Amino acid sequence: IFKAGSDDGIILSVDGSVVISSWVTRGYAVD
């Protein structure tokens, strides 16, 4: 289980594949 939180944007890649993509301005949230 991967959890990535951000204010503003965040992207997580695992072995070259993007699994979390919230590349936006926003208040803190966890994907």
ModelCIF file with pLDDT and N, C-alpha, C, O atoms, coordinates in Angstrom:
data_MODEL
#
_entry.id   MODEL 
#
_entity.id                         1 
_entity.type                       polymer 
_entity.pdbx_number_of_molecules   1 
#
_entity_poly.entity_id                      1 
_entity_poly.type                           'polypeptide(L)' 
_entity_poly.nstd_linkage                   no 
_entity_poly.nstd_monomer                   no 
_entity_poly.pdbx_seq_one_letter_code       IFKAGSDDGIILSVDGSVVISSWVTRGYAVD 
_entity_poly.pdbx_seq_one_letter_code_can   IFKAGSDDGIILSVDGSVVISSWVTRGYAVD 
_entity_poly.pdbx_strand_id                 A 
#
loop_
_entity_poly_seq.entity_id 
_entity_poly_seq.num 
_entity_poly_seq.mon_id 
_entity_poly_seq.hetero 
1 1  ILE n 
1 2  PHE n 
1 3  LYS n 
1 4  ALA n 
1 5  GLY n 
1 6  SER n 
1 7  ASP n 
1 8  ASP n 
1 9  GLY n 
1 10 ILE n 
1 11 ILE n 
1 12 LEU n 
1 13 SER n 
1 14 VAL n 
1 15 ASP n 
1 16 GLY n 
1 17 SER n 
1 18 VAL n 
1 19 VAL n 
1 20 ILE n 
1 21 SER n 
1 22 SER n 
1 23 TRP n 
1 24 VAL n 
1 25 THR n 
1 26 ARG n 
1 27 GLY n 
1 28 TYR n 
1 29 ALA n 
1 30 VAL n 
1 31 ASP n 
#
_struct_asym.id          A 
_struct_asym.entity_id   1 
#
loop_
_ma_qa_metric.id 
_ma_qa_metric.mode 
_ma_qa_metric.name 
_ma_qa_metric.software_group_id 
_ma_qa_metric.type 
1 global pLDDT . pLDDT 
2 local  pLDDT . pLDDT 
#
_ma_qa_metric_global.metric_id      1 
_ma_qa_metric_global.metric_value   97.16 
_ma_qa_metric_global.model_id       1 
_ma_qa_metric_global.ordinal_id     1 
#
loop_
_ma_qa_metric_local.label_asym_id 
_ma_qa_metric_local.label_comp_id 
_ma_qa_metric_local.label_seq_id 
_ma_qa_metric_local.metric_id 
_ma_qa_metric_local.metric_value 
_ma_qa_metric_local.model_id 
_ma_qa_metric_local.ordinal_id 
A ILE 1  2 96.00 1 1  
A PHE 2  2 98.00 1 2  
A LYS 3  2 97.00 1 3  
A ALA 4  2 98.00 1 4  
A GLY 5  2 98.00 1 5  
A SER 6  2 98.00 1 6  
A ASP 7  2 96.00 1 7  
A ASP 8  2 95.00 1 8  
A GLY 9  2 97.00 1 9  
A ILE 10 2 98.00 1 10 
A ILE 11 2 98.00 1 11 
A LEU 12 2 98.00 1 12 
A SER 13 2 98.00 1 13 
A VAL 14 2 98.00 1 14 
A ASP 15 2 97.00 1 15 
A GLY 16 2 96.00 1 16 
A SER 17 2 97.00 1 17 
A VAL 18 2 98.00 1 18 
A VAL 19 2 98.00 1 19 
A ILE 20 2 98.00 1 20 
A SER 21 2 97.00 1 21 
A SER 22 2 97.00 1 22 
A TRP 23 2 97.00 1 23 
A VAL 24 2 96.00 1 24 
A THR 25 2 96.00 1 25 
A ARG 26 2 96.00 1 26 
A GLY 27 2 96.00 1 27 
A TYR 28 2 97.00 1 28 
A ALA 29 2 97.00 1 29 
A VAL 30 2 98.00 1 30 
A ASP 31 2 98.00 1 31 
#
loop_
_atom_site.group_PDB 
_atom_site.id 
_atom_site.type_symbol 
_atom_site.label_atom_id 
_atom_site.label_alt_id 
_atom_site.label_comp_id 
_atom_site.label_asym_id 
_atom_site.label_entity_id 
_atom_site.label_seq_id 
_atom_site.pdbx_PDB_ins_code 
_atom_site.Cartn_x 
_atom_site.Cartn_y 
_atom_site.Cartn_z 
_atom_site.occupancy 
_atom_site.B_iso_or_equiv 
_atom_site.pdbx_formal_charge 
_atom_site.auth_seq_id 
_atom_site.auth_comp_id 
_atom_site.auth_asym_id 
_atom_site.auth_atom_id 
_atom_site.pdbx_PDB_model_num 
ATOM 1   N N  . ILE A 1 1  ? 0.853  -1.182 0.000   1.00 96.00 ? 1  ILE A N  1 
ATOM 2   C CA . ILE A 1 1  ? 0.000  0.000  0.000   1.00 96.00 ? 1  ILE A CA 1 
ATOM 3   C C  . ILE A 1 1  ? 0.888  1.230  0.000   1.00 96.00 ? 1  ILE A C  1 
ATOM 4   O O  . ILE A 1 1  ? 1.685  1.422  0.918   1.00 96.00 ? 1  ILE A O  1 
ATOM 5   N N  . PHE A 1 2  ? 0.757  2.064  -1.020  1.00 98.00 ? 2  PHE A N  1 
ATOM 6   C CA . PHE A 1 2  ? 1.485  3.323  -1.110  1.00 98.00 ? 2  PHE A CA 1 
ATOM 7   C C  . PHE A 1 2  ? 0.521  4.469  -0.812  1.00 98.00 ? 2  PHE A C  1 
ATOM 8   O O  . PHE A 1 2  ? -0.573 4.523  -1.374  1.00 98.00 ? 2  PHE A O  1 
ATOM 9   N N  . LYS A 1 3  ? 0.921  5.379  0.063   1.00 97.00 ? 3  LYS A N  1 
ATOM 10  C CA . LYS A 1 3  ? 0.128  6.564  0.369   1.00 97.00 ? 3  LYS A CA 1 
ATOM 11  C C  . LYS A 1 3  ? 1.004  7.799  0.189   1.00 97.00 ? 3  LYS A C  1 
ATOM 12  O O  . LYS A 1 3  ? 2.049  7.932  0.825   1.00 97.00 ? 3  LYS A O  1 
ATOM 13  N N  . ALA A 1 4  ? 0.560  8.701  -0.687  1.00 98.00 ? 4  ALA A N  1 
ATOM 14  C CA . ALA A 1 4  ? 1.312  9.926  -0.961  1.00 98.00 ? 4  ALA A CA 1 
ATOM 15  C C  . ALA A 1 4  ? 0.403  11.124 -0.739  1.00 98.00 ? 4  ALA A C  1 
ATOM 16  O O  . ALA A 1 4  ? -0.652 11.238 -1.364  1.00 98.00 ? 4  ALA A O  1 
ATOM 17  N N  . GLY A 1 5  ? 0.815  12.012 0.151   1.00 98.00 ? 5  GLY A N  1 
ATOM 18  C CA . GLY A 1 5  ? 0.012  13.191 0.472   1.00 98.00 ? 5  GLY A CA 1 
ATOM 19  C C  . GLY A 1 5  ? 0.687  14.462 -0.010  1.00 98.00 ? 5  GLY A C  1 
ATOM 20  O O  . GLY A 1 5  ? 1.914  14.545 -0.057  1.00 98.00 ? 5  GLY A O  1 
ATOM 21  N N  . SER A 1 6  ? -0.117 15.448 -0.367  1.00 98.00 ? 6  SER A N  1 
ATOM 22  C CA . SER A 1 6  ? 0.492  16.680 -0.887  1.00 98.00 ? 6  SER A CA 1 
ATOM 23  C C  . SER A 1 6  ? -0.422 17.888 -0.777  1.00 98.00 ? 6  SER A C  1 
ATOM 24  O O  . SER A 1 6  ? -1.648 17.780 -0.756  1.00 98.00 ? 6  SER A O  1 
ATOM 25  N N  . ASP A 1 7  ? 0.212  19.015 -0.709  1.00 96.00 ? 7  ASP A N  1 
ATOM 26  C CA . ASP A 1 7  ? -0.353 20.342 -0.915  1.00 96.00 ? 7  ASP A CA 1 
ATOM 27  C C  . ASP A 1 7  ? 0.809  21.147 -1.538  1.00 96.00 ? 7  ASP A C  1 
ATOM 28  O O  . ASP A 1 7  ? 1.589  21.729 -0.784  1.00 96.00 ? 7  ASP A O  1 
ATOM 29  N N  . ASP A 1 8  ? 0.961  21.208 -2.862  1.00 95.00 ? 8  ASP A N  1 
ATOM 30  C CA . ASP A 1 8  ? -0.070 21.045 -3.858  1.00 95.00 ? 8  ASP A CA 1 
ATOM 31  C C  . ASP A 1 8  ? -0.016 19.670 -4.571  1.00 95.00 ? 8  ASP A C  1 
ATOM 32  O O  . ASP A 1 8  ? -0.716 18.738 -4.175  1.00 95.00 ? 8  ASP A O  1 
ATOM 33  N N  . GLY A 1 9  ? 0.820  19.553 -5.624  1.00 97.00 ? 9  GLY A N  1 
ATOM 34  C CA . GLY A 1 9  ? 0.753  18.392 -6.490  1.00 97.00 ? 9  GLY A CA 1 
ATOM 35  C C  . GLY A 1 9  ? 1.730  17.292 -6.143  1.00 97.00 ? 9  GLY A C  1 
ATOM 36  O O  . GLY A 1 9  ? 2.767  17.538 -5.526  1.00 97.00 ? 9  GLY A O  1 
ATOM 37  N N  . ILE A 1 10 ? 1.384  16.036 -6.557  1.00 98.00 ? 10 ILE A N  1 
ATOM 38  C CA . ILE A 1 10 ? 2.274  14.906 -6.306  1.00 98.00 ? 10 ILE A CA 1 
ATOM 39  C C  . ILE A 1 10 ? 2.063  13.821 -7.352  1.00 98.00 ? 10 ILE A C  1 
ATOM 40  O O  . ILE A 1 10 ? 0.952  13.621 -7.842  1.00 98.00 ? 10 ILE A O  1 
ATOM 41  N N  . ILE A 1 11 ? 3.150  13.121 -7.689  1.00 98.00 ? 11 ILE A N  1 
ATOM 42  C CA . ILE A 1 11 ? 3.121  11.979 -8.608  1.00 98.00 ? 11 ILE A CA 1 
ATOM 43  C C  . ILE A 1 11 ? 4.028  10.904 -8.039  1.00 98.00 ? 11 ILE A C  1 
ATOM 44  O O  . ILE A 1 11 ? 5.146  11.194 -7.614  1.00 98.00 ? 11 ILE A O  1 
ATOM 45  N N  . LEU A 1 12 ? 3.554  9.658  -8.027  1.00 98.00 ? 12 LEU A N  1 
ATOM 46  C CA . LEU A 1 12 ? 4.370  8.530  -7.596  1.00 98.00 ? 12 LEU A CA 1 
ATOM 47  C C  . LEU A 1 12 ? 4.470  7.520  -8.727  1.00 98.00 ? 12 LEU A C  1 
ATOM 48  O O  . LEU A 1 12 ? 3.465  7.133  -9.323  1.00 98.00 ? 12 LEU A O  1 
ATOM 49  N N  . SER A 1 13 ? 5.702  7.097  -9.015  1.00 98.00 ? 13 SER A N  1 
ATOM 50  C CA . SER A 1 13 ? 5.944  6.053  -10.007 1.00 98.00 ? 13 SER A CA 1 
ATOM 51  C C  . SER A 1 13 ? 6.629  4.875  -9.335  1.00 98.00 ? 13 SER A C  1 
ATOM 52  O O  . SER A 1 13 ? 7.510  5.054  -8.494  1.00 98.00 ? 13 SER A O  1 
ATOM 53  N N  . VAL A 1 14 ? 6.219  3.677  -9.709  1.00 98.00 ? 14 VAL A N  1 
ATOM 54  C CA . VAL A 1 14 ? 6.834  2.452  -9.204  1.00 98.00 ? 14 VAL A CA 1 
ATOM 55  C C  . VAL A 1 14 ? 7.329  1.651  -10.403 1.00 98.00 ? 14 VAL A C  1 
ATOM 56  O O  . VAL A 1 14 ? 6.550  1.264  -11.274 1.00 98.00 ? 14 VAL A O  1 
ATOM 57  N N  . ASP A 1 15 ? 8.630  1.411  -10.432 1.00 97.00 ? 15 ASP A N  1 
ATOM 58  C CA . ASP A 1 15 ? 9.255  0.689  -11.548 1.00 97.00 ? 15 ASP A CA 1 
ATOM 59  C C  . ASP A 1 15 ? 8.885  1.317  -12.888 1.00 97.00 ? 15 ASP A C  1 
ATOM 60  O O  . ASP A 1 15 ? 8.650  0.611  -13.869 1.00 97.00 ? 15 ASP A O  1 
ATOM 61  N N  . GLY A 1 16 ? 8.837  2.637  -12.922 1.00 96.00 ? 16 GLY A N  1 
ATOM 62  C CA . GLY A 1 16 ? 8.595  3.366  -14.161 1.00 96.00 ? 16 GLY A CA 1 
ATOM 63  C C  . GLY A 1 16 ? 7.139  3.582  -14.515 1.00 96.00 ? 16 GLY A C  1 
ATOM 64  O O  . GLY A 1 16 ? 6.841  4.273  -15.488 1.00 96.00 ? 16 GLY A O  1 
ATOM 65  N N  . SER A 1 17 ? 6.221  3.005  -13.746 1.00 97.00 ? 17 SER A N  1 
ATOM 66  C CA . SER A 1 17 ? 4.789  3.179  -14.027 1.00 97.00 ? 17 SER A CA 1 
ATOM 67  C C  . SER A 1 17 ? 4.175  4.150  -13.024 1.00 97.00 ? 17 SER A C  1 
ATOM 68  O O  . SER A 1 17 ? 4.349  3.996  -11.815 1.00 97.00 ? 17 SER A O  1 
ATOM 69  N N  . VAL A 1 18 ? 3.461  5.141  -13.526 1.00 98.00 ? 18 VAL A N  1 
ATOM 70  C CA . VAL A 1 18 ? 2.798  6.110  -12.650 1.00 98.00 ? 18 VAL A CA 1 
ATOM 71  C C  . VAL A 1 18 ? 1.599  5.435  -11.985 1.00 98.00 ? 18 VAL A C  1 
ATOM 72  O O  . VAL A 1 18 ? 0.717  4.912  -12.667 1.00 98.00 ? 18 VAL A O  1 
ATOM 73  N N  . VAL A 1 19 ? 1.570  5.450  -10.648 1.00 98.00 ? 19 VAL A N  1 
ATOM 74  C CA . VAL A 1 19 ? 0.478  4.806  -9.921  1.00 98.00 ? 19 VAL A CA 1 
ATOM 75  C C  . VAL A 1 19 ? -0.373 5.824  -9.157  1.00 98.00 ? 19 VAL A C  1 
ATOM 76  O O  . VAL A 1 19 ? -1.529 5.550  -8.834  1.00 98.00 ? 19 VAL A O  1 
ATOM 77  N N  . ILE A 1 20 ? 0.195  6.991  -8.869  1.00 98.00 ? 20 ILE A N  1 
ATOM 78  C CA . ILE A 1 20 ? -0.548 8.084  -8.238  1.00 98.00 ? 20 ILE A CA 1 
ATOM 79  C C  . ILE A 1 20 ? -0.233 9.351  -9.013  1.00 98.00 ? 20 ILE A C  1 
ATOM 80  O O  . ILE A 1 20 ? 0.934  9.669  -9.241  1.00 98.00 ? 20 ILE A O  1 
ATOM 81  N N  . SER A 1 21 ? -1.263 10.071 -9.416  1.00 97.00 ? 21 SER A N  1 
ATOM 82  C CA . SER A 1 21 ? -1.052 11.305 -10.180 1.00 97.00 ? 21 SER A CA 1 
ATOM 83  C C  . SER A 1 21 ? -2.077 12.347 -9.762  1.00 97.00 ? 21 SER A C  1 
ATOM 84  O O  . SER A 1 21 ? -3.248 12.269 -10.132 1.00 97.00 ? 21 SER A O  1 
ATOM 85  N N  . SER A 1 22 ? -1.625 13.313 -8.993  1.00 97.00 ? 22 SER A N  1 
ATOM 86  C CA . SER A 1 22 ? -2.471 14.452 -8.591  1.00 97.00 ? 22 SER A CA 1 
ATOM 87  C C  . SER A 1 22 ? -1.642 15.722 -8.760  1.00 97.00 ? 22 SER A C  1 
ATOM 88  O O  . SER A 1 22 ? -1.341 16.421 -7.792  1.00 97.00 ? 22 SER A O  1 
ATOM 89  N N  . TRP A 1 23 ? -1.283 16.001 -9.999  1.00 97.00 ? 23 TRP A N  1 
ATOM 90  C CA . TRP A 1 23 ? -0.406 17.127 -10.312 1.00 97.00 ? 23 TRP A CA 1 
ATOM 91  C C  . TRP A 1 23 ? -1.246 18.391 -10.498 1.00 97.00 ? 23 TRP A C  1 
ATOM 92  O O  . TRP A 1 23 ? -1.384 18.918 -11.601 1.00 97.00 ? 23 TRP A O  1 
ATOM 93  N N  . VAL A 1 24 ? -1.804 18.858 -9.368  1.00 96.00 ? 24 VAL A N  1 
ATOM 94  C CA . VAL A 1 24 ? -2.709 20.010 -9.369  1.00 96.00 ? 24 VAL A CA 1 
ATOM 95  C C  . VAL A 1 24 ? -2.470 20.831 -8.110  1.00 96.00 ? 24 VAL A C  1 
ATOM 96  O O  . VAL A 1 24 ? -1.883 20.349 -7.142  1.00 96.00 ? 24 VAL A O  1 
ATOM 97  N N  . THR A 1 25 ? -2.928 22.067 -8.135  1.00 96.00 ? 25 THR A N  1 
ATOM 98  C CA . THR A 1 25 ? -2.933 22.860 -6.909  1.00 96.00 ? 25 THR A CA 1 
ATOM 99  C C  . THR A 1 25 ? -4.139 22.432 -6.069  1.00 96.00 ? 25 THR A C  1 
ATOM 100 O O  . THR A 1 25 ? -5.255 22.360 -6.584  1.00 96.00 ? 25 THR A O  1 
ATOM 101 N N  . ARG A 1 26 ? -3.927 22.150 -4.795  1.00 96.00 ? 26 ARG A N  1 
ATOM 102 C CA . ARG A 1 26 ? -5.006 21.667 -3.932  1.00 96.00 ? 26 ARG A CA 1 
ATOM 103 C C  . ARG A 1 26 ? -4.589 21.806 -2.475  1.00 96.00 ? 26 ARG A C  1 
ATOM 104 O O  . ARG A 1 26 ? -3.411 21.995 -2.173  1.00 96.00 ? 26 ARG A O  1 
ATOM 105 N N  . GLY A 1 27 ? -5.558 21.711 -1.580  1.00 96.00 ? 27 GLY A N  1 
ATOM 106 C CA . GLY A 1 27 ? -5.264 21.592 -0.173  1.00 96.00 ? 27 GLY A CA 1 
ATOM 107 C C  . GLY A 1 27 ? -4.733 20.205 0.119   1.00 96.00 ? 27 GLY A C  1 
ATOM 108 O O  . GLY A 1 27 ? -4.808 19.317 -0.730  1.00 96.00 ? 27 GLY A O  1 
ATOM 109 N N  . TYR A 1 28 ? -4.194 20.010 1.320   1.00 97.00 ? 28 TYR A N  1 
ATOM 110 C CA . TYR A 1 28 ? -3.564 18.734 1.630   1.00 97.00 ? 28 TYR A CA 1 
ATOM 111 C C  . TYR A 1 28 ? -4.557 17.579 1.511   1.00 97.00 ? 28 TYR A C  1 
ATOM 112 O O  . TYR A 1 28 ? -5.651 17.614 2.072   1.00 97.00 ? 28 TYR A O  1 
ATOM 113 N N  . ALA A 1 29 ? -4.144 16.557 0.764   1.00 97.00 ? 29 ALA A N  1 
ATOM 114 C CA . ALA A 1 29 ? -4.940 15.346 0.581   1.00 97.00 ? 29 ALA A CA 1 
ATOM 115 C C  . ALA A 1 29 ? -3.986 14.183 0.376   1.00 97.00 ? 29 ALA A C  1 
ATOM 116 O O  . ALA A 1 29 ? -2.845 14.369 -0.047  1.00 97.00 ? 29 ALA A O  1 
ATOM 117 N N  . VAL A 1 30 ? -4.462 12.980 0.678   1.00 98.00 ? 30 VAL A N  1 
ATOM 118 C CA . VAL A 1 30 ? -3.634 11.775 0.569   1.00 98.00 ? 30 VAL A CA 1 
ATOM 119 C C  . VAL A 1 30 ? -4.230 10.842 -0.476  1.00 98.00 ? 30 VAL A C  1 
ATOM 120 O O  . VAL A 1 30 ? -5.415 10.515 -0.413  1.00 98.00 ? 30 VAL A O  1 
ATOM 121 N N  . ASP A 1 31 ? -3.418 10.413 -1.432  1.00 98.00 ? 31 ASP A N  1 
ATOM 122 C CA . ASP A 1 31 ? -3.808 9.439  -2.439  1.00 98.00 ? 31 ASP A CA 1 
ATOM 123 C C  . ASP A 1 31 ? -3.221 8.083  -2.070  1.00 98.00 ? 31 ASP A C  1 
ATOM 124 O O  . ASP A 1 31 ? -3.427 7.105  -2.789  1.00 98.00 ? 31 ASP A O  1 
#
